Amino acid sequence: MLNKNNFIIVMYHHVRRKREKFFPKLASLDFKEFTNQLDYLEKNYKILNIKDLSNFILKKEKPPKKLCMLTFDDGYINHYTTVYPELKKRNLQGFFFPPAKAILKRKLMDSNKAHLLIASNVSIKKLNIELEKLYYKFKIDKLINLDFSELVKKYRHPNAFDNADTILFKRITQHVIPEKFRKKVFDSMFKKFIKMSEKNLAKNMYINKNQAKEMLSNGMIFGNHCYDHLWLENENEKNQKYQINQGLKFLKSVGMNLNNWIMCYPYGSYNKLTMKILKNKQCFLGLTSVNRPYNYSKDTNFEIPRIDCNNVFEY
């Protein structure tokens, strides 16, 4: 049970209806399950808006009951078509975190490239076989100084959400392969297995600026999710500042008030340098992907945990 000093911040990604035709195998929360969760959360929690959040975080006001905050990562089109209308109907405020480049340039995030390949009609084993071929073709093994078999031993382990082969594919493509080689690897795999242009894929994957402006004008809140959706802990100070500043530039362009804005770390990745930059930029909250309730009397403002949407009914 939660004590009076705790509240939950729920982390959502894709929320889709069963009839979706665009990559129907794409991992997502079903809309019916989403509405069931909202029913449960409205019954058992006070669902925060930005004013409430400011009062409880900045002014340290005592919460009247258990608290919940709804967050939505990565700027997916279903946040506009599916989530936003439901929140608006219920008079609830959602907090949305789109990566700027995906919206402005119609470029797929590396994580979504991996997700689309996994959701294609190609088996995960075949994808990993192709990945191994490309790993040696582009001589990535020489750069990392690890044989592919060593990566298999290190990363091929299941978790609560994915089987071992899927985790292996995600870890290698999103984290192990250096950024300058990822495009080569993904371009090769998309050409062989997907055969759709990146622009068309991105158009079907992400919201656009006008949709973001509409959501904002109807009570939704937008926060910073950087520009390229990189692992910030791996970036130097100059690039971290660039990523964060470009995210802020995007928020300003859609009309978001930048007083006490919120940061959502891509991949949940950050370090002490990231937090230092955020403090100097008037950020007041940094959201991680650590899967547990938030204790506002103990957790620091820049290391806020969130629970995965699949765990909602546990709290």
Foldseek 3Di string as FASTA:
>chain_A
DDDQLWAFEEEAEAEDDCPDPQLSQQDHHYLVVVVVLVVVCVVAADEDAPVVVCCCQVVVDRDPHHYYAYEYEAAWPCCLVPVLVVCLVVVHAHEYEHAAQLAPVVADALLVLLSSLPSFPDDLVVVVVLLLVVCVVVVVCVVLVDHVVVLLVVFQPDDPPDHRSSRSSNCCLQPVRDPVCNCVSSVVSCVVGPVDDSNVSSVNTHDYLVSLLVSVVSRYHYAFAFHRLHQAQPDDLVVLLNRRVVSVVSCVVSPHDQAQGEAEYRQQHDDPSNVVSCVVSNHQAAEGAAADIARSVPDHRNYGYHHYPVCSVVD
